[in-house]
Every structure is written in C-alpha cells, then in structure tokens.
Amino acid sequence: MINSNYIINKLRVASGIDAYVPKVGMIILDTDLTCERDFARMKSEHNSNFDLYYNRVTFENPMTVESLTAILPRLPEAAGQILPGITLDALVFNCTSSSALLGDSAVVSALSSISNNTFTTASAVVSEMKKANVKNISILCPYPKNVSIGMADYFYSCGLNVTSLTYLDIEDDRDVANIGAKKIIDSAIKAISPDSDALFISCTALRSAELVKDLCDLTKKKIFTSNYSTFKHLESVIGNNL
C-alpha cells in the first residue's frame, strides 16, 4: 500500500532572472577530438562566466579544400539543434581551415537566423592578432599543402603579411589530435621565420592551446593557436555584449 500522507508545500518563485549566464553555441567537426577538452580546461582556468553548448557537424575525411567547404550547407541544421527555441548570446563555428576557406561572410550569412553574434575561429584569430598589433606572421598547419595555402591566403586577405608557411601534410583530422606536445613544440620552433612578429598554430584539433606559454618563453615570439585565440575572443565578445 502506498503511503500518501506526505507534507506537501508549494513555493512561489518570483518571475525574472536573478543571475543570467550567457549561452554560447559552438559547432565543431564530428572528427575533432580536442575542442571540448581545450575549452573545458580554459573555462575552468579563467573562471569564465558563460555556458558552452556544443553540436557536431558531419565532416568526411580526408582534409581537402573540397571536403572542408562542403560543410557550409550543413551548418544551419547543426546550429539549430544546439538549444532549440533559446536565443544564443554568441555562436561560433570552430573549425579554422573550413572557416578560412569558406570566408567569414558565407558562414555568418548561413547562421544569421540562429544568432546575431556569430563568428568563426579564423576571424577570432585575426581579431586577436590585430589587438596585439601583429603584422608579420609565420603559420604552422597540420593540413595538406592546398588547404594550408588556402589558410595563408585568408590571413593575407585580412591584411596580415605571411612571412612563412609550414605544413605537416596530415590528411585525417583525427590523427591531428594524436600529435604529442614535443612534436608540436619542435615543429613550432622550426616554423618561425626570423622576420615574423608571431607564430600562428592552426587547427582546433591540434593540442597546442596548452603550450602557448611554453612556446612564448622558448621562442620570444607571440603565439596564437586556434582554440586559445577563439576562447580569448569569445570572452571579449561576451563581455562587450552583456
């Protein structure tokens, strides 16, 4: 027999928001093994005041110009599934190579109905470089040659002078996450040209964000990575729009 002699209380909570936390949506490739790990760590380290909600978009390896630009028509559906019916304070397409090859305007246009505050990894990196008064950059990419050249062309189109481009010629996005810290550091040191102000290490799947401080100390150059630069830019965007 069920006992129904409970003491039952009803509380009325006043309508309104006591402590609003910004809601950020992020689209990542379904082959990316690093992005969520990096952002969880950085949010914890910086005690960030925003909640981050992910969705993955289908990507078919190998990494080519064609496969990376084929993502564009899949973005609206992926974004719409993040928090249906809830307005996002910011929306990020977090794939450096795809966003650079597609161009910022194409991505923002595809996602304009989801959030009025949309940006890409590539545009976040450029913004952070310009804040730091960087003009001449070396680039290290894990991608094959054609994708890497497309990346360099994007930064050149944004007003940055690419002094050198180094690529690792990796075709599978999943393999990028398996590159160890020592190999990343060694490759980064070799990729920096003497006349550059900074080094950009591309790819959200590459575990380079945690190496920024060490690389700055080793190279005496400014270091930018995809996930770290996107995180820093996101913090400024959220702060400016509250």
C-alpha atoms as a PDB file:
ATOM      1  CA  MET A   1       0.000   0.000   0.000  1.00  0.00           C
ATOM      2  CA  ILE A   2       1.321   3.447  -0.918  1.00  0.00           C
ATOM      3  CA  ASN A   3       1.610   5.985   1.881  1.00  0.00           C
ATOM      4  CA  SER A   4       0.139   9.281   0.652  1.00  0.00           C
ATOM      5  CA  ASN A   5       0.274  11.197   3.922  1.00  0.00           C
ATOM      6  CA  TYR A   6       3.082  13.489   2.837  1.00  0.00           C
ATOM      7  CA  ILE A   7       3.635  17.053   3.984  1.00  0.00           C
ATOM      8  CA  ILE A   8       3.369  18.943   0.704  1.00  0.00           C
ATOM      9  CA  ASN A   9       4.425  22.551   0.258  1.00  0.00           C
ATOM     10  CA  LYS A  10       4.058  24.854  -2.716  1.00  0.00           C
ATOM     11  CA  LEU A  11       6.564  27.667  -3.205  1.00  0.00           C
ATOM     12  CA  ARG A  12       6.029  30.610  -5.498  1.00  0.00           C
ATOM     13  CA  VAL A  13       9.174  31.939  -7.132  1.00  0.00           C
ATOM     14  CA  ALA A  14       9.051  35.486  -8.424  1.00  0.00           C
ATOM     15  CA  SER A  15       9.415  35.725 -12.185  1.00  0.00           C
ATOM     16  CA  GLY A  16      12.558  37.253 -13.595  1.00  0.00           C
ATOM     17  CA  ILE A  17      16.237  36.333 -13.801  1.00  0.00           C
ATOM     18  CA  ASP A  18      18.430  36.501 -10.714  1.00  0.00           C
ATOM     19  CA  ALA A  19      21.799  35.679 -12.266  1.00  0.00           C
ATOM     20  CA  TYR A  20      21.895  35.396 -16.032  1.00  0.00           C
ATOM     21  CA  VAL A  21      24.674  33.293 -17.528  1.00  0.00           C
ATOM     22  CA  PRO A  22      25.399  33.874 -21.237  1.00  0.00           C
ATOM     23  CA  LYS A  23      24.698  30.933 -23.516  1.00  0.00           C
ATOM     24  CA  VAL A  24      27.265  30.215 -26.212  1.00  0.00           C
ATOM     25  CA  GLY A  25      26.742  27.693 -29.001  1.00  0.00           C
ATOM     26  CA  MET A  26      29.697  26.081 -30.719  1.00  0.00           C
ATOM     27  CA  ILE A  27      29.734  23.974 -33.883  1.00  0.00           C
ATOM     28  CA  ILE A  28      32.691  21.617 -34.214  1.00  0.00           C
ATOM     29  CA  LEU A  29      33.571  18.887 -36.685  1.00  0.00           C
ATOM     30  CA  ASP A  30      32.492  15.374 -35.732  1.00  0.00           C
ATOM     31  CA  THR A  31      36.122  14.296 -36.181  1.00  0.00           C
ATOM     32  CA  ASP A  32      37.529  16.843 -33.691  1.00  0.00           C
ATOM     33  CA  LEU A  33      38.917  15.081 -30.593  1.00  0.00           C
ATOM     34  CA  THR A  34      40.343  18.174 -28.885  1.00  0.00           C
ATOM     35  CA  CYS A  35      37.990  21.141 -28.902  1.00  0.00           C
ATOM     36  CA  GLU A  36      35.740  20.244 -25.947  1.00  0.00           C
ATOM     37  CA  ARG A  37      38.755  19.216 -23.883  1.00  0.00           C
ATOM     38  CA  ASP A  38      40.530  22.535 -24.523  1.00  0.00           C
ATOM     39  CA  PHE A  39      37.530  24.730 -23.799  1.00  0.00           C
ATOM     40  CA  ALA A  40      36.622  22.875 -20.603  1.00  0.00           C
ATOM     41  CA  ARG A  41      40.146  23.406 -19.308  1.00  0.00           C
ATOM     42  CA  MET A  42      40.307  27.081 -20.307  1.00  0.00           C
ATOM     43  CA  LYS A  43      36.869  27.838 -18.858  1.00  0.00           C
ATOM     44  CA  SER A  44      37.983  26.334 -15.568  1.00  0.00           C
ATOM     45  CA  GLU A  45      41.331  28.142 -15.524  1.00  0.00           C
ATOM     46  CA  HIS A  46      39.746  31.515 -16.348  1.00  0.00           C
ATOM     47  CA  ASN A  47      36.611  31.003 -14.223  1.00  0.00           C
ATOM     48  CA  SER A  48      34.603  32.116 -17.255  1.00  0.00           C
ATOM     49  CA  ASN A  49      31.070  33.382 -16.868  1.00  0.00           C
ATOM     50  CA  PHE A  50      29.383  31.677 -19.809  1.00  0.00           C
ATOM     51  CA  ASP A  51      27.866  28.289 -20.519  1.00  0.00           C
ATOM     52  CA  LEU A  52      29.064  26.479 -23.627  1.00  0.00           C
ATOM     53  CA  TYR A  53      26.832  24.160 -25.656  1.00  0.00           C
ATOM     54  CA  TYR A  54      28.301  22.056 -28.485  1.00  0.00           C
ATOM     55  CA  ASN A  55      26.972  20.354 -31.548  1.00  0.00           C
ATOM     56  CA  ARG A  56      28.937  18.435 -34.137  1.00  0.00           C
ATOM     57  CA  VAL A  57      28.644  18.794 -37.886  1.00  0.00           C
ATOM     58  CA  THR A  58      29.375  15.955 -40.295  1.00  0.00           C
ATOM     59  CA  PHE A  59      32.802  16.059 -41.912  1.00  0.00           C
ATOM     60  CA  GLU A  60      34.210  13.479 -44.282  1.00  0.00           C
ATOM     61  CA  ASN A  61      37.968  12.969 -44.277  1.00  0.00           C
ATOM     62  CA  PRO A  62      40.447  13.471 -45.907  1.00  0.00           C
ATOM     63  CA  MET A  63      41.060  17.170 -45.305  1.00  0.00           C
ATOM     64  CA  THR A  64      40.812  18.788 -48.716  1.00  0.00           C
ATOM     65  CA  VAL A  65      39.576  22.150 -49.963  1.00  0.00           C
ATOM     66  CA  GLU A  66      36.514  20.369 -51.355  1.00  0.00           C
ATOM     67  CA  SER A  67      35.616  18.427 -48.184  1.00  0.00           C
ATOM     68  CA  LEU A  68      36.131  21.419 -45.905  1.00  0.00           C
ATOM     69  CA  THR A  69      33.985  23.768 -47.985  1.00  0.00           C
ATOM     70  CA  ALA A  70      31.263  21.113 -48.353  1.00  0.00           C
ATOM     71  CA  ILE A  71      30.391  21.741 -44.690  1.00  0.00           C
ATOM     72  CA  LEU A  72      28.621  25.049 -45.393  1.00  0.00           C
ATOM     73  CA  PRO A  73      25.070  23.750 -46.161  1.00  0.00           C
ATOM     74  CA  ARG A  74      25.198  21.539 -43.048  1.00  0.00           C
ATOM     75  CA  LEU A  75      25.835  24.423 -40.644  1.00  0.00           C
ATOM     76  CA  PRO A  76      22.277  25.813 -40.183  1.00  0.00           C
ATOM     77  CA  GLU A  77      20.861  22.448 -39.096  1.00  0.00           C
ATOM     78  CA  ALA A  78      23.779  21.803 -36.736  1.00  0.00           C
ATOM     79  CA  ALA A  79      23.356  25.240 -35.170  1.00  0.00           C
ATOM     80  CA  GLY A  80      19.601  24.935 -34.868  1.00  0.00           C
ATOM     81  CA  GLN A  81      19.967  21.752 -32.826  1.00  0.00           C
ATOM     82  CA  ILE A  82      22.166  23.330 -30.142  1.00  0.00           C
ATOM     83  CA  LEU A  83      19.440  24.911 -27.958  1.00  0.00           C
ATOM     84  CA  PRO A  84      16.190  24.890 -29.947  1.00  0.00           C
ATOM     85  CA  GLY A  85      13.928  27.809 -29.084  1.00  0.00           C
ATOM     86  CA  ILE A  86      16.542  29.569 -26.952  1.00  0.00           C
ATOM     87  CA  THR A  87      18.416  32.669 -28.098  1.00  0.00           C
ATOM     88  CA  LEU A  88      22.174  32.230 -28.108  1.00  0.00           C
ATOM     89  CA  ASP A  89      24.324  35.112 -26.897  1.00  0.00           C
ATOM     90  CA  ALA A  90      27.061  34.000 -29.301  1.00  0.00           C
ATOM     91  CA  LEU A  91      27.562  31.287 -31.881  1.00  0.00           C
ATOM     92  CA  VAL A  92      30.971  30.026 -33.003  1.00  0.00           C
ATOM     93  CA  PHE A  93      31.878  27.864 -35.971  1.00  0.00           C
ATOM     94  CA  ASN A  94      35.062  26.396 -34.541  1.00  0.00           C
ATOM     95  CA  CYS A  95      36.970  24.992 -37.477  1.00  0.00           C
ATOM     96  CA  THR A  96      39.888  27.094 -38.646  1.00  0.00           C
ATOM     97  CA  SER A  97      40.514  25.641 -42.081  1.00  0.00           C
ATOM     98  CA  SER A  98      36.859  25.363 -43.108  1.00  0.00           C
ATOM     99  CA  SER A  99      36.007  28.874 -41.926  1.00  0.00           C
ATOM    100  CA  ALA A 100      39.064  30.332 -43.650  1.00  0.00           C
ATOM    101  CA  LEU A 101      38.315  28.558 -46.931  1.00  0.00           C
ATOM    102  CA  LEU A 102      34.598  29.431 -46.840  1.00  0.00           C
ATOM    103  CA  GLY A 103      35.139  33.024 -45.740  1.00  0.00           C
ATOM    104  CA  ASP A 104      33.575  34.750 -42.745  1.00  0.00           C
ATOM    105  CA  SER A 105      30.677  36.330 -44.626  1.00  0.00           C
ATOM    106  CA  ALA A 106      29.468  32.985 -46.021  1.00  0.00           C
ATOM    107  CA  VAL A 107      29.467  31.378 -42.562  1.00  0.00           C
ATOM    108  CA  VAL A 108      27.815  34.322 -40.816  1.00  0.00           C
ATOM    109  CA  SER A 109      25.166  34.521 -43.524  1.00  0.00           C
ATOM    110  CA  ALA A 110      24.386  30.806 -43.180  1.00  0.00           C
ATOM    111  CA  LEU A 111      23.930  31.165 -39.412  1.00  0.00           C
ATOM    112  CA  SER A 112      22.326  34.625 -39.154  1.00  0.00           C
ATOM    113  CA  SER A 113      18.927  33.200 -38.161  1.00  0.00           C
ATOM    114  CA  ILE A 114      20.431  31.382 -35.162  1.00  0.00           C
ATOM    115  CA  SER A 115      22.371  34.215 -33.533  1.00  0.00           C
ATOM    116  CA  ASN A 116      23.074  37.854 -34.273  1.00  0.00           C
ATOM    117  CA  ASN A 117      26.510  37.420 -32.762  1.00  0.00           C
ATOM    118  CA  THR A 118      28.225  34.787 -34.912  1.00  0.00           C
ATOM    119  CA  PHE A 119      31.938  34.457 -35.626  1.00  0.00           C
ATOM    120  CA  THR A 120      34.453  31.878 -36.816  1.00  0.00           C
ATOM    121  CA  THR A 121      37.727  30.549 -35.494  1.00  0.00           C
ATOM    122  CA  ALA A 122      39.611  32.154 -38.355  1.00  0.00           C
ATOM    123  CA  SER A 123      38.115  35.600 -37.712  1.00  0.00           C
ATOM    124  CA  ALA A 124      38.752  35.239 -33.967  1.00  0.00           C
ATOM    125  CA  VAL A 125      42.449  34.576 -34.588  1.00  0.00           C
ATOM    126  CA  VAL A 126      42.730  37.614 -36.870  1.00  0.00           C
ATOM    127  CA  SER A 127      40.972  39.790 -34.295  1.00  0.00           C
ATOM    128  CA  GLU A 128      43.305  38.676 -31.516  1.00  0.00           C
ATOM    129  CA  MET A 129      46.360  39.272 -33.717  1.00  0.00           C
ATOM    130  CA  LYS A 130      45.255  42.782 -34.560  1.00  0.00           C
ATOM    131  CA  LYS A 131      44.614  43.537 -30.887  1.00  0.00           C
ATOM    132  CA  ALA A 132      48.243  42.538 -30.285  1.00  0.00           C
ATOM    133  CA  ASN A 133      49.454  44.779 -33.151  1.00  0.00           C
ATOM    134  CA  VAL A 134      50.817  41.804 -35.080  1.00  0.00           C
ATOM    135  CA  LYS A 135      51.622  42.426 -38.736  1.00  0.00           C
ATOM    136  CA  ASN A 136      54.037  39.680 -39.870  1.00  0.00           C
ATOM    137  CA  ILE A 137      53.182  36.061 -39.101  1.00  0.00           C
ATOM    138  CA  SER A 138      54.568  32.593 -39.557  1.00  0.00           C
ATOM    139  CA  ILE A 139      51.962  29.838 -39.887  1.00  0.00           C
ATOM    140  CA  LEU A 140      52.173  26.187 -38.861  1.00  0.00           C
ATOM    141  CA  CYS A 141      49.386  23.962 -40.240  1.00  0.00           C
ATOM    142  CA  PRO A 142      48.795  20.225 -39.850  1.00  0.00           C
ATOM    143  CA  TYR A 143      46.879  20.098 -43.173  1.00  0.00           C
ATOM    144  CA  PRO A 144      47.949  19.058 -46.675  1.00  0.00           C
ATOM    145  CA  LYS A 145      49.551  21.681 -48.926  1.00  0.00           C
ATOM    146  CA  ASN A 146      46.477  23.053 -50.751  1.00  0.00           C
ATOM    147  CA  VAL A 147      44.489  23.536 -47.555  1.00  0.00           C
ATOM    148  CA  SER A 148      47.476  25.214 -45.900  1.00  0.00           C
ATOM    149  CA  ILE A 149      47.904  27.620 -48.811  1.00  0.00           C
ATOM    150  CA  GLY A 150      44.203  28.481 -48.576  1.00  0.00           C
ATOM    151  CA  MET A 151      44.738  29.257 -44.897  1.00  0.00           C
ATOM    152  CA  ALA A 152      47.669  31.556 -45.695  1.00  0.00           C
ATOM    153  CA  ASP A 153      45.625  33.285 -48.408  1.00  0.00           C
ATOM    154  CA  TYR A 154      42.870  34.010 -45.865  1.00  0.00           C
ATOM    155  CA  PHE A 155      45.251  35.733 -43.449  1.00  0.00           C
ATOM    156  CA  TYR A 156      46.823  37.698 -46.291  1.00  0.00           C
ATOM    157  CA  SER A 157      43.343  38.844 -47.355  1.00  0.00           C
ATOM    158  CA  CYS A 158      42.783  40.088 -43.796  1.00  0.00           C
ATOM    159  CA  GLY A 159      45.793  42.402 -44.021  1.00  0.00           C
ATOM    160  CA  LEU A 160      48.440  40.215 -42.387  1.00  0.00           C
ATOM    161  CA  ASN A 161      51.797  39.525 -44.013  1.00  0.00           C
ATOM    162  CA  VAL A 162      52.580  35.801 -44.078  1.00  0.00           C
ATOM    163  CA  THR A 163      56.357  35.500 -43.865  1.00  0.00           C
ATOM    164  CA  SER A 164      56.440  31.694 -43.886  1.00  0.00           C
ATOM    165  CA  LEU A 165      54.072  28.744 -44.143  1.00  0.00           C
ATOM    166  CA  THR A 166      54.899  25.289 -42.772  1.00  0.00           C
ATOM    167  CA  TYR A 167      52.563  22.312 -43.178  1.00  0.00           C
ATOM    168  CA  LEU A 168      52.629  18.769 -41.755  1.00  0.00           C
ATOM    169  CA  ASP A 169      50.667  17.152 -44.605  1.00  0.00           C
ATOM    170  CA  ILE A 170      48.205  15.214 -42.417  1.00  0.00           C
ATOM    171  CA  GLU A 171      45.037  14.156 -44.220  1.00  0.00           C
ATOM    172  CA  ASP A 172      42.896  12.742 -41.400  1.00  0.00           C
ATOM    173  CA  ASP A 173      41.557  15.249 -38.852  1.00  0.00           C
ATOM    174  CA  ARG A 174      41.508  12.566 -36.157  1.00  0.00           C
ATOM    175  CA  ASP A 175      45.260  11.998 -36.489  1.00  0.00           C
ATOM    176  CA  VAL A 176      45.934  15.645 -35.693  1.00  0.00           C
ATOM    177  CA  ALA A 177      44.803  15.145 -32.077  1.00  0.00           C
ATOM    178  CA  ASN A 178      47.415  12.416 -31.620  1.00  0.00           C
ATOM    179  CA  ILE A 179      50.398  14.711 -32.227  1.00  0.00           C
ATOM    180  CA  GLY A 180      52.297  14.974 -28.940  1.00  0.00           C
ATOM    181  CA  ALA A 181      53.489  18.110 -27.180  1.00  0.00           C
ATOM    182  CA  LYS A 182      57.172  17.585 -28.029  1.00  0.00           C
ATOM    183  CA  LYS A 183      56.476  17.252 -31.750  1.00  0.00           C
ATOM    184  CA  ILE A 184      54.259  20.353 -31.687  1.00  0.00           C
ATOM    185  CA  ILE A 185      56.954  22.370 -29.898  1.00  0.00           C
ATOM    186  CA  ASP A 186      59.740  21.153 -32.201  1.00  0.00           C
ATOM    187  CA  SER A 187      57.633  21.888 -35.293  1.00  0.00           C
ATOM    188  CA  ALA A 188      56.673  25.318 -33.991  1.00  0.00           C
ATOM    189  CA  ILE A 189      60.284  26.324 -33.388  1.00  0.00           C
ATOM    190  CA  LYS A 190      61.231  25.250 -36.923  1.00  0.00           C
ATOM    191  CA  ALA A 191      58.224  27.055 -38.429  1.00  0.00           C
ATOM    192  CA  ILE A 192      59.051  30.542 -37.123  1.00  0.00           C
ATOM    193  CA  SER A 193      60.805  32.841 -39.580  1.00  0.00           C
ATOM    194  CA  PRO A 194      63.155  35.456 -38.055  1.00  0.00           C
ATOM    195  CA  ASP A 195      61.202  38.390 -39.508  1.00  0.00           C
ATOM    196  CA  SER A 196      57.823  37.354 -38.090  1.00  0.00           C
ATOM    197  CA  ASP A 197      56.137  39.054 -35.130  1.00  0.00           C
ATOM    198  CA  ALA A 198      54.218  35.943 -34.197  1.00  0.00           C
ATOM    199  CA  LEU A 199      53.506  32.302 -34.935  1.00  0.00           C
ATOM    200  CA  PHE A 200      50.011  31.010 -35.598  1.00  0.00           C
ATOM    201  CA  ILE A 201      49.494  27.284 -34.988  1.00  0.00           C
ATOM    202  CA  SER A 202      46.347  26.314 -36.825  1.00  0.00           C
ATOM    203  CA  CYS A 203      43.661  23.656 -36.256  1.00  0.00           C
ATOM    204  CA  THR A 204      41.166  23.213 -33.424  1.00  0.00           C
ATOM    205  CA  ALA A 205      42.052  19.506 -33.282  1.00  0.00           C
ATOM    206  CA  LEU A 206      45.743  20.187 -32.575  1.00  0.00           C
ATOM    207  CA  ARG A 207      46.545  20.159 -28.848  1.00  0.00           C
ATOM    208  CA  SER A 208      48.561  23.361 -28.917  1.00  0.00           C
ATOM    209  CA  ALA A 209      46.472  25.700 -26.738  1.00  0.00           C
ATOM    210  CA  GLU A 210      48.048  24.319 -23.569  1.00  0.00           C
ATOM    211  CA  LEU A 211      51.526  25.016 -24.978  1.00  0.00           C
ATOM    212  CA  VAL A 212      51.130  28.756 -25.607  1.00  0.00           C
ATOM    213  CA  LYS A 213      53.055  29.931 -22.543  1.00  0.00           C
ATOM    214  CA  ASP A 214      55.896  27.439 -23.038  1.00  0.00           C
ATOM    215  CA  LEU A 215      56.231  28.415 -26.696  1.00  0.00           C
ATOM    216  CA  CYS A 216      56.221  32.129 -25.881  1.00  0.00           C
ATOM    217  CA  ASP A 217      59.057  31.537 -23.413  1.00  0.00           C
ATOM    218  CA  LEU A 218      61.023  29.360 -25.839  1.00  0.00           C
ATOM    219  CA  THR A 219      60.650  31.472 -28.971  1.00  0.00           C
ATOM    220  CA  LYS A 220      60.319  35.002 -27.531  1.00  0.00           C
ATOM    221  CA  LYS A 221      57.516  35.487 -30.071  1.00  0.00           C
ATOM    222  CA  LYS A 222      53.794  35.993 -29.718  1.00  0.00           C
ATOM    223  CA  ILE A 223      51.977  32.676 -30.104  1.00  0.00           C
ATOM    224  CA  PHE A 224      48.424  32.232 -31.355  1.00  0.00           C
ATOM    225  CA  THR A 225      46.537  28.947 -31.607  1.00  0.00           C
ATOM    226  CA  SER A 226      43.061  28.221 -32.928  1.00  0.00           C
ATOM    227  CA  ASN A 227      41.341  27.243 -29.683  1.00  0.00           C
ATOM    228  CA  TYR A 228      43.185  29.656 -27.397  1.00  0.00           C
ATOM    229  CA  SER A 229      42.554  32.644 -29.675  1.00  0.00           C
ATOM    230  CA  THR A 230      38.898  31.681 -30.104  1.00  0.00           C
ATOM    231  CA  PHE A 231      38.488  31.403 -26.339  1.00  0.00           C
ATOM    232  CA  LYS A 232      40.067  34.819 -25.722  1.00  0.00           C
ATOM    233  CA  HIS A 233      37.957  36.419 -28.440  1.00  0.00           C
ATOM    234  CA  LEU A 234      34.809  34.774 -27.091  1.00  0.00           C
ATOM    235  CA  GLU A 235      35.472  36.193 -23.629  1.00  0.00           C
ATOM    236  CA  SER A 236      35.734  39.704 -25.074  1.00  0.00           C
ATOM    237  CA  VAL A 237      32.605  39.250 -27.203  1.00  0.00           C
ATOM    238  CA  ILE A 238      30.547  38.038 -24.250  1.00  0.00           C
ATOM    239  CA  GLY A 239      31.860  40.850 -22.049  1.00  0.00           C
ATOM    240  CA  ASN A 240      31.061  43.525 -24.622  1.00  0.00           C
ATOM    241  CA  ASN A 241      27.526  42.316 -25.241  1.00  0.00           C
ATOM    242  CA  LEU A 242      26.183  41.907 -21.706  1.00  0.00           C
END
